[in-house]
Amino acid sequence: MVVKMNITISESLMICEAKLCGCNNKKKVVYGFSEPVHGLCIDKNQLISSQIQACRNLIPNITDETELKTVQKELEELNTINEYSFPQK
């Protein structure tokens, strides 16, 4: 099993870590979050934005085509959710 990681810090100083895990063609993107002790809540927009940025940061470290397709699919899904749930005004 291969695990690749990247970390991003959003505007709220929440750390979002994206990882690729799994084996062969069953890879998926998983996330780990940590926030400062003083953070009380995170809204959905911040959460999805952090996931999008973490995936974008992960792409330069990918060398396998299957892994790249997995992350690109995840980004498409997150961008679709972001677009429909939080339309730009």
PDB file of N, CA and C in Angstrom:
ATOM      1  N   MET A   1       0.845  -1.181   0.000  1.00  0.00           N
ATOM      2  CA  MET A   1       0.000   0.000   0.000  1.00  0.00           C
ATOM      3  C   MET A   1       0.886   1.237   0.000  1.00  0.00           C
ATOM      4  N   VAL A   2       0.536   2.194  -0.846  1.00  0.00           N
ATOM      5  CA  VAL A   2       1.290   3.435  -0.950  1.00  0.00           C
ATOM      6  C   VAL A   2       0.438   4.561  -0.390  1.00  0.00           C
ATOM      7  N   VAL A   3       1.010   5.404   0.447  1.00  0.00           N
ATOM      8  CA  VAL A   3       0.306   6.548   1.003  1.00  0.00           C
ATOM      9  C   VAL A   3       1.102   7.799   0.672  1.00  0.00           C
ATOM     10  N   LYS A   4       0.440   8.760   0.045  1.00  0.00           N
ATOM     11  CA  LYS A   4       1.067  10.046  -0.255  1.00  0.00           C
ATOM     12  C   LYS A   4       0.292  11.112   0.489  1.00  0.00           C
ATOM     13  N   MET A   5       0.987  12.122   0.979  1.00  0.00           N
ATOM     14  CA  MET A   5       0.333  13.131   1.794  1.00  0.00           C
ATOM     15  C   MET A   5       0.730  14.535   1.352  1.00  0.00           C
ATOM     16  N   ASN A   6      -0.158  15.453   1.645  1.00  0.00           N
ATOM     17  CA  ASN A   6       0.129  16.864   1.498  1.00  0.00           C
ATOM     18  C   ASN A   6      -0.765  17.611   2.477  1.00  0.00           C
ATOM     19  N   ILE A   7      -0.307  18.734   2.947  1.00  0.00           N
ATOM     20  CA  ILE A   7      -1.037  19.482   3.967  1.00  0.00           C
ATOM     21  C   ILE A   7      -1.287  20.889   3.462  1.00  0.00           C
ATOM     22  N   THR A   8      -2.475  21.404   3.733  1.00  0.00           N
ATOM     23  CA  THR A   8      -2.790  22.783   3.397  1.00  0.00           C
ATOM     24  C   THR A   8      -3.420  23.455   4.612  1.00  0.00           C
ATOM     25  N   ILE A   9      -3.249  24.742   4.700  1.00  0.00           N
ATOM     26  CA  ILE A   9      -3.849  25.509   5.790  1.00  0.00           C
ATOM     27  C   ILE A   9      -4.828  26.490   5.169  1.00  0.00           C
ATOM     28  N   SER A  10      -6.083  26.424   5.586  1.00  0.00           N
ATOM     29  CA  SER A  10      -7.104  27.304   5.037  1.00  0.00           C
ATOM     30  C   SER A  10      -7.112  28.637   5.781  1.00  0.00           C
ATOM     31  N   GLU A  11      -8.051  29.484   5.366  1.00  0.00           N
ATOM     32  CA  GLU A  11      -8.155  30.808   5.979  1.00  0.00           C
ATOM     33  C   GLU A  11      -8.411  30.719   7.483  1.00  0.00           C
ATOM     34  N   SER A  12      -9.101  29.677   7.915  1.00  0.00           N
ATOM     35  CA  SER A  12      -9.437  29.558   9.329  1.00  0.00           C
ATOM     36  C   SER A  12      -8.331  28.854  10.117  1.00  0.00           C
ATOM     37  N   LEU A  13      -7.187  28.625   9.487  1.00  0.00           N
ATOM     38  CA  LEU A  13      -6.056  27.946  10.096  1.00  0.00           C
ATOM     39  C   LEU A  13      -6.347  26.485  10.400  1.00  0.00           C
ATOM     40  N   MET A  14      -7.378  25.941   9.751  1.00  0.00           N
ATOM     41  CA  MET A  14      -7.657  24.526   9.871  1.00  0.00           C
ATOM     42  C   MET A  14      -6.687  23.799   8.948  1.00  0.00           C
ATOM     43  N   ILE A  15      -6.091  22.757   9.424  1.00  0.00           N
ATOM     44  CA  ILE A  15      -5.176  21.984   8.598  1.00  0.00           C
ATOM     45  C   ILE A  15      -5.945  20.819   7.995  1.00  0.00           C
ATOM     46  N   CYS A  16      -5.862  20.704   6.675  1.00  0.00           N
ATOM     47  CA  CYS A  16      -6.505  19.612   5.962  1.00  0.00           C
ATOM     48  C   CYS A  16      -5.423  18.829   5.241  1.00  0.00           C
ATOM     49  N   GLU A  17      -5.389  17.557   5.491  1.00  0.00           N
ATOM     50  CA  GLU A  17      -4.377  16.690   4.915  1.00  0.00           C
ATOM     51  C   GLU A  17      -5.078  15.696   3.986  1.00  0.00           C
ATOM     52  N   ALA A  18      -4.669  15.658   2.714  1.00  0.00           N
ATOM     53  CA  ALA A  18      -5.218  14.704   1.759  1.00  0.00           C
ATOM     54  C   ALA A  18      -4.229  13.568   1.578  1.00  0.00           C
ATOM     55  N   LYS A  19      -4.759  12.353   1.529  1.00  0.00           N
ATOM     56  CA  LYS A  19      -3.914  11.174   1.342  1.00  0.00           C
ATOM     57  C   LYS A  19      -4.568  10.267   0.313  1.00  0.00           C
ATOM     58  N   LEU A  20      -3.739   9.601  -0.453  1.00  0.00           N
ATOM     59  CA  LEU A  20      -4.211   8.536  -1.330  1.00  0.00           C
ATOM     60  C   LEU A  20      -3.947   7.227  -0.628  1.00  0.00           C
ATOM     61  N   CYS A  21      -4.949   6.384  -0.549  1.00  0.00           N
ATOM     62  CA  CYS A  21      -4.711   5.092   0.078  1.00  0.00           C
ATOM     63  C   CYS A  21      -5.450   4.012  -0.701  1.00  0.00           C
ATOM     64  N   GLY A  22      -5.117   2.816  -0.429  1.00  0.00           N
ATOM     65  CA  GLY A  22      -5.701   1.683  -1.123  1.00  0.00           C
ATOM     66  C   GLY A  22      -4.654   1.001  -1.970  1.00  0.00           C
ATOM     67  N   CYS A  23      -5.059  -0.004  -2.698  1.00  0.00           N
ATOM     68  CA  CYS A  23      -4.118  -0.713  -3.551  1.00  0.00           C
ATOM     69  C   CYS A  23      -4.743  -0.957  -4.922  1.00  0.00           C
ATOM     70  N   ASN A  24      -3.893  -1.126  -5.899  1.00  0.00           N
ATOM     71  CA  ASN A  24      -4.277  -1.382  -7.291  1.00  0.00           C
ATOM     72  C   ASN A  24      -5.299  -0.361  -7.780  1.00  0.00           C
ATOM     73  N   ASN A  25      -6.445  -0.803  -8.271  1.00  0.00           N
ATOM     74  CA  ASN A  25      -7.443   0.109  -8.837  1.00  0.00           C
ATOM     75  C   ASN A  25      -8.463   0.576  -7.807  1.00  0.00           C
ATOM     76  N   LYS A  26      -8.263   0.273  -6.551  1.00  0.00           N
ATOM     77  CA  LYS A  26      -9.228   0.652  -5.514  1.00  0.00           C
ATOM     78  C   LYS A  26      -8.678   1.773  -4.643  1.00  0.00           C
ATOM     79  N   LYS A  27      -8.054   2.743  -5.259  1.00  0.00           N
ATOM     80  CA  LYS A  27      -7.496   3.874  -4.521  1.00  0.00           C
ATOM     81  C   LYS A  27      -8.598   4.878  -4.221  1.00  0.00           C
ATOM     82  N   LYS A  28      -8.438   5.600  -3.135  1.00  0.00           N
ATOM     83  CA  LYS A  28      -9.374   6.663  -2.801  1.00  0.00           C
ATOM     84  C   LYS A  28      -8.632   7.759  -2.059  1.00  0.00           C
ATOM     85  N   VAL A  29      -9.236   8.931  -2.056  1.00  0.00           N
ATOM     86  CA  VAL A  29      -8.681  10.073  -1.342  1.00  0.00           C
ATOM     87  C   VAL A  29      -9.351  10.124   0.023  1.00  0.00           C
ATOM     88  N   VAL A  30      -8.545  10.226   1.062  1.00  0.00           N
ATOM     89  CA  VAL A  30      -9.059  10.372   2.422  1.00  0.00           C
ATOM     90  C   VAL A  30      -8.462  11.653   3.014  1.00  0.00           C
ATOM     91  N   TYR A  31      -9.132  12.187   4.004  1.00  0.00           N
ATOM     92  CA  TYR A  31      -8.721  13.466   4.585  1.00  0.00           C
ATOM     93  C   TYR A  31      -8.532  13.336   6.088  1.00  0.00           C
ATOM     94  N   GLY A  32      -7.596  14.112   6.581  1.00  0.00           N
ATOM     95  CA  GLY A  32      -7.414  14.266   8.013  1.00  0.00           C
ATOM     96  C   GLY A  32      -7.481  15.755   8.322  1.00  0.00           C
ATOM     97  N   PHE A  33      -8.191  16.100   9.356  1.00  0.00           N
ATOM     98  CA  PHE A  33      -8.363  17.505   9.721  1.00  0.00           C
ATOM     99  C   PHE A  33      -7.878  17.740  11.138  1.00  0.00           C
ATOM    100  N   SER A  34      -7.291  18.878  11.343  1.00  0.00           N
ATOM    101  CA  SER A  34      -7.034  19.333  12.699  1.00  0.00           C
ATOM    102  C   SER A  34      -7.199  20.839  12.688  1.00  0.00           C
ATOM    103  N   GLU A  35      -7.716  21.334  13.744  1.00  0.00           N
ATOM    104  CA  GLU A  35      -7.954  22.766  13.828  1.00  0.00           C
ATOM    105  C   GLU A  35      -7.373  23.284  15.135  1.00  0.00           C
ATOM    106  N   PRO A  36      -7.146  24.578  15.186  1.00  0.00           N
ATOM    107  CA  PRO A  36      -6.624  25.145  16.425  1.00  0.00           C
ATOM    108  C   PRO A  36      -7.595  24.920  17.582  1.00  0.00           C
ATOM    109  N   VAL A  37      -7.054  24.906  18.761  1.00  0.00           N
ATOM    110  CA  VAL A  37      -7.868  24.684  19.957  1.00  0.00           C
ATOM    111  C   VAL A  37      -8.971  25.727  20.082  1.00  0.00           C
ATOM    112  N   HIS A  38      -8.707  26.950  19.623  1.00  0.00           N
ATOM    113  CA  HIS A  38      -9.700  28.014  19.780  1.00  0.00           C
ATOM    114  C   HIS A  38     -10.790  27.963  18.708  1.00  0.00           C
ATOM    115  N   GLY A  39     -10.672  27.085  17.718  1.00  0.00           N
ATOM    116  CA  GLY A  39     -11.695  26.980  16.678  1.00  0.00           C
ATOM    117  C   GLY A  39     -12.924  26.276  17.217  1.00  0.00           C
ATOM    118  N   LEU A  40     -14.079  26.901  17.102  1.00  0.00           N
ATOM    119  CA  LEU A  40     -15.303  26.314  17.624  1.00  0.00           C
ATOM    120  C   LEU A  40     -16.100  25.571  16.563  1.00  0.00           C
ATOM    121  N   CYS A  41     -16.107  26.100  15.354  1.00  0.00           N
ATOM    122  CA  CYS A  41     -16.881  25.441  14.313  1.00  0.00           C
ATOM    123  C   CYS A  41     -16.296  25.765  12.943  1.00  0.00           C
ATOM    124  N   ILE A  42     -16.610  24.911  12.003  1.00  0.00           N
ATOM    125  CA  ILE A  42     -16.150  25.072  10.626  1.00  0.00           C
ATOM    126  C   ILE A  42     -17.386  24.960   9.752  1.00  0.00           C
ATOM    127  N   ASP A  43     -17.612  25.931   8.873  1.00  0.00           N
ATOM    128  CA  ASP A  43     -18.773  25.805   8.012  1.00  0.00           C
ATOM    129  C   ASP A  43     -18.459  24.910   6.813  1.00  0.00           C
ATOM    130  N   LYS A  44     -19.506  24.469   6.139  1.00  0.00           N
ATOM    131  CA  LYS A  44     -19.356  23.519   5.033  1.00  0.00           C
ATOM    132  C   LYS A  44     -18.479  24.073   3.916  1.00  0.00           C
ATOM    133  N   ASN A  45     -18.611  25.353   3.647  1.00  0.00           N
ATOM    134  CA  ASN A  45     -17.828  25.978   2.581  1.00  0.00           C
ATOM    135  C   ASN A  45     -16.333  25.897   2.895  1.00  0.00           C
ATOM    136  N   GLN A  46     -15.960  26.193   4.125  1.00  0.00           N
ATOM    137  CA  GLN A  46     -14.555  26.095   4.542  1.00  0.00           C
ATOM    138  C   GLN A  46     -14.050  24.662   4.443  1.00  0.00           C
ATOM    139  N   LEU A  47     -14.885  23.720   4.826  1.00  0.00           N
ATOM    140  CA  LEU A  47     -14.510  22.312   4.797  1.00  0.00           C
ATOM    141  C   LEU A  47     -14.229  21.851   3.362  1.00  0.00           C
ATOM    142  N   ILE A  48     -15.143  22.142   2.452  1.00  0.00           N
ATOM    143  CA  ILE A  48     -14.971  21.732   1.055  1.00  0.00           C
ATOM    144  C   ILE A  48     -13.817  22.480   0.408  1.00  0.00           C
ATOM    145  N   SER A  49     -13.678  23.754   0.704  1.00  0.00           N
ATOM    146  CA  SER A  49     -12.560  24.534   0.156  1.00  0.00           C
ATOM    147  C   SER A  49     -11.219  23.967   0.614  1.00  0.00           C
ATOM    148  N   SER A  50     -11.149  23.540   1.854  1.00  0.00           N
ATOM    149  CA  SER A  50      -9.918  22.940   2.372  1.00  0.00           C
ATOM    150  C   SER A  50      -9.618  21.609   1.687  1.00  0.00           C
ATOM    151  N   GLN A  51     -10.657  20.817   1.436  1.00  0.00           N
ATOM    152  CA  GLN A  51     -10.477  19.547   0.745  1.00  0.00           C
ATOM    153  C   GLN A  51      -9.996  19.771  -0.687  1.00  0.00           C
ATOM    154  N   ILE A  52     -10.563  20.758  -1.368  1.00  0.00           N
ATOM    155  CA  ILE A  52     -10.159  21.076  -2.733  1.00  0.00           C
ATOM    156  C   ILE A  52      -8.690  21.484  -2.763  1.00  0.00           C
ATOM    157  N   GLN A  53      -8.288  22.350  -1.850  1.00  0.00           N
ATOM    158  CA  GLN A  53      -6.901  22.810  -1.824  1.00  0.00           C
ATOM    159  C   GLN A  53      -5.940  21.673  -1.493  1.00  0.00           C
ATOM    160  N   ALA A  54      -6.329  20.802  -0.583  1.00  0.00           N
ATOM    161  CA  ALA A  54      -5.478  19.668  -0.227  1.00  0.00           C
ATOM    162  C   ALA A  54      -5.283  18.734  -1.427  1.00  0.00           C
ATOM    163  N   CYS A  55      -6.344  18.512  -2.204  1.00  0.00           N
ATOM    164  CA  CYS A  55      -6.231  17.684  -3.415  1.00  0.00           C
ATOM    165  C   CYS A  55      -5.327  18.354  -4.443  1.00  0.00           C
ATOM    166  N   ARG A  56      -5.494  19.643  -4.623  1.00  0.00           N
ATOM    167  CA  ARG A  56      -4.639  20.370  -5.577  1.00  0.00           C
ATOM    168  C   ARG A  56      -3.175  20.286  -5.170  1.00  0.00           C
ATOM    169  N   ASN A  57      -2.909  20.363  -3.887  1.00  0.00           N
ATOM    170  CA  ASN A  57      -1.538  20.280  -3.402  1.00  0.00           C
ATOM    171  C   ASN A  57      -0.960  18.873  -3.551  1.00  0.00           C
ATOM    172  N   LEU A  58      -1.820  17.895  -3.596  1.00  0.00           N
ATOM    173  CA  LEU A  58      -1.381  16.508  -3.718  1.00  0.00           C
ATOM    174  C   LEU A  58      -0.946  16.167  -5.149  1.00  0.00           C
ATOM    175  N   ILE A  59      -1.548  16.796  -6.144  1.00  0.00           N
ATOM    176  CA  ILE A  59      -1.308  16.461  -7.558  1.00  0.00           C
ATOM    177  C   ILE A  59       0.168  16.502  -7.969  1.00  0.00           C
ATOM    178  N   PRO A  60       0.950  17.512  -7.612  1.00  0.00           N
ATOM    179  CA  PRO A  60       2.353  17.528  -8.058  1.00  0.00           C
ATOM    180  C   PRO A  60       3.190  16.347  -7.557  1.00  0.00           C
ATOM    181  N   ASN A  61       2.750  15.680  -6.510  1.00  0.00           N
ATOM    182  CA  ASN A  61       3.502  14.563  -5.944  1.00  0.00           C
ATOM    183  C   ASN A  61       3.101  13.208  -6.525  1.00  0.00           C
ATOM    184  N   ILE A  62       2.128  13.197  -7.425  1.00  0.00           N
ATOM    185  CA  ILE A  62       1.620  11.942  -7.969  1.00  0.00           C
ATOM    186  C   ILE A  62       2.424  11.538  -9.197  1.00  0.00           C
ATOM    187  N   THR A  63       2.836  10.283  -9.226  1.00  0.00           N
ATOM    188  CA  THR A  63       3.584   9.758 -10.372  1.00  0.00           C
ATOM    189  C   THR A  63       2.819   8.664 -11.107  1.00  0.00           C
ATOM    190  N   ASP A  64       1.776   8.133 -10.508  1.00  0.00           N
ATOM    191  CA  ASP A  64       1.003   7.041 -11.083  1.00  0.00           C
ATOM    192  C   ASP A  64      -0.271   7.572 -11.743  1.00  0.00           C
ATOM    193  N   GLU A  65      -0.564   7.109 -12.952  1.00  0.00           N
ATOM    194  CA  GLU A  65      -1.733   7.577 -13.706  1.00  0.00           C
ATOM    195  C   GLU A  65      -3.042   7.243 -12.987  1.00  0.00           C
ATOM    196  N   THR A  66      -3.123   6.073 -12.379  1.00  0.00           N
ATOM    197  CA  THR A  66      -4.337   5.689 -11.653  1.00  0.00           C
ATOM    198  C   THR A  66      -4.582   6.621 -10.473  1.00  0.00           C
ATOM    199  N   GLU A  67      -3.533   6.950  -9.763  1.00  0.00           N
ATOM    200  CA  GLU A  67      -3.653   7.867  -8.627  1.00  0.00           C
ATOM    201  C   GLU A  67      -4.077   9.250  -9.096  1.00  0.00           C
ATOM    202  N   LEU A  68      -3.508   9.707 -10.213  1.00  0.00           N
ATOM    203  CA  LEU A  68      -3.862  11.016 -10.755  1.00  0.00           C
ATOM    204  C   LEU A  68      -5.337  11.062 -11.125  1.00  0.00           C
ATOM    205  N   LYS A  69      -5.833  10.016 -11.768  1.00  0.00           N
ATOM    206  CA  LYS A  69      -7.255   9.960 -12.140  1.00  0.00           C
ATOM    207  C   LYS A  69      -8.147   9.953 -10.903  1.00  0.00           C
ATOM    208  N   THR A  70      -7.712   9.276  -9.858  1.00  0.00           N
ATOM    209  CA  THR A  70      -8.480   9.237  -8.613  1.00  0.00           C
ATOM    210  C   THR A  70      -8.603  10.630  -8.007  1.00  0.00           C
ATOM    211  N   VAL A  71      -7.497  11.357  -7.959  1.00  0.00           N
ATOM    212  CA  VAL A  71      -7.516  12.703  -7.375  1.00  0.00           C
ATOM    213  C   VAL A  71      -8.301  13.665  -8.273  1.00  0.00           C
ATOM    214  N   GLN A  72      -8.162  13.542  -9.586  1.00  0.00           N
ATOM    215  CA  GLN A  72      -8.906  14.404 -10.498  1.00  0.00           C
ATOM    216  C   GLN A  72     -10.407  14.170 -10.367  1.00  0.00           C
ATOM    217  N   LYS A  73     -10.816  12.914 -10.222  1.00  0.00           N
ATOM    218  CA  LYS A  73     -12.235  12.607 -10.032  1.00  0.00           C
ATOM    219  C   LYS A  73     -12.741  13.210  -8.719  1.00  0.00           C
ATOM    220  N   GLU A  74     -11.942  13.087  -7.667  1.00  0.00           N
ATOM    221  CA  GLU A  74     -12.296  13.667  -6.371  1.00  0.00           C
ATOM    222  C   GLU A  74     -12.448  15.189  -6.487  1.00  0.00           C
ATOM    223  N   LEU A  75     -11.518  15.826  -7.198  1.00  0.00           N
ATOM    224  CA  LEU A  75     -11.594  17.279  -7.400  1.00  0.00           C
ATOM    225  C   LEU A  75     -12.851  17.672  -8.160  1.00  0.00           C
ATOM    226  N   GLU A  76     -13.197  16.916  -9.187  1.00  0.00           N
ATOM    227  CA  GLU A  76     -14.420  17.201  -9.948  1.00  0.00           C
ATOM    228  C   GLU A  76     -15.645  17.119  -9.047  1.00  0.00           C
ATOM    229  N   GLU A  77     -15.706  16.082  -8.220  1.00  0.00           N
ATOM    230  CA  GLU A  77     -16.839  15.926  -7.310  1.00  0.00           C
ATOM    231  C   GLU A  77     -16.908  17.064  -6.297  1.00  0.00           C
ATOM    232  N   LEU A  78     -15.769  17.422  -5.728  1.00  0.00           N
ATOM    233  CA  LEU A  78     -15.741  18.519  -4.752  1.00  0.00           C
ATOM    234  C   LEU A  78     -16.116  19.848  -5.387  1.00  0.00           C
ATOM    235  N   ASN A  79     -15.606  20.095  -6.596  1.00  0.00           N
ATOM    236  CA  ASN A  79     -15.940  21.345  -7.289  1.00  0.00           C
ATOM    237  C   ASN A  79     -17.420  21.402  -7.635  1.00  0.00           C
ATOM    238  N   THR A  80     -18.011  20.264  -8.000  1.00  0.00           N
ATOM    239  CA  THR A  80     -19.447  20.225  -8.296  1.00  0.00           C
ATOM    240  C   THR A  80     -20.251  20.528  -7.045  1.00  0.00           C
ATOM    241  N   ILE A  81     -19.874  19.905  -5.940  1.00  0.00           N
ATOM    242  CA  ILE A  81     -20.562  20.173  -4.668  1.00  0.00           C
ATOM    243  C   ILE A  81     -20.425  21.649  -4.299  1.00  0.00           C
ATOM    244  N   ASN A  82     -19.218  22.164  -4.424  1.00  0.00           N
ATOM    245  CA  ASN A  82     -18.956  23.565  -4.086  1.00  0.00           C
ATOM    246  C   ASN A  82     -19.766  24.506  -4.966  1.00  0.00           C
ATOM    247  N   GLU A  83     -19.838  24.198  -6.246  1.00  0.00           N
ATOM    248  CA  GLU A  83     -20.539  25.044  -7.211  1.00  0.00           C
ATOM    249  C   GLU A  83     -22.038  25.093  -6.943  1.00  0.00           C
ATOM    250  N   TYR A  84     -22.633  23.936  -6.648  1.00  0.00           N
ATOM    251  CA  TYR A  84     -24.092  23.882  -6.459  1.00  0.00           C
ATOM    252  C   TYR A  84     -24.522  24.228  -5.044  1.00  0.00           C
ATOM    253  N   SER A  85     -23.695  23.956  -4.084  1.00  0.00           N
ATOM    254  CA  SER A  85     -24.069  24.240  -2.691  1.00  0.00           C
ATOM    255  C   SER A  85     -23.776  25.684  -2.286  1.00  0.00           C
ATOM    256  N   PHE A  86     -22.734  26.252  -2.883  1.00  0.00           N
ATOM    257  CA  PHE A  86     -22.314  27.594  -2.529  1.00  0.00           C
ATOM    258  C   PHE A  86     -22.119  28.423  -3.794  1.00  0.00           C
ATOM    259  N   PRO A  87     -23.219  28.754  -4.507  1.00  0.00           N
ATOM    260  CA  PRO A  87     -23.063  29.487  -5.776  1.00  0.00           C
ATOM    261  C   PRO A  87     -22.419  30.848  -5.558  1.00  0.00           C
ATOM    262  N   GLN A  88     -21.579  31.234  -6.530  1.00  0.00           N
ATOM    263  CA  GLN A  88     -20.920  32.538  -6.478  1.00  0.00           C
ATOM    264  C   GLN A  88     -21.945  33.628  -6.754  1.00  0.00           C
ATOM    265  N   LYS A  89     -21.875  34.691  -6.012  1.00  0.00           N
ATOM    266  CA  LYS A  89     -22.849  35.795  -6.189  1.00  0.00           C
ATOM    267  C   LYS A  89     -22.278  36.835  -7.098  1.00  0.00           C
TER     268      LYS A  89
END
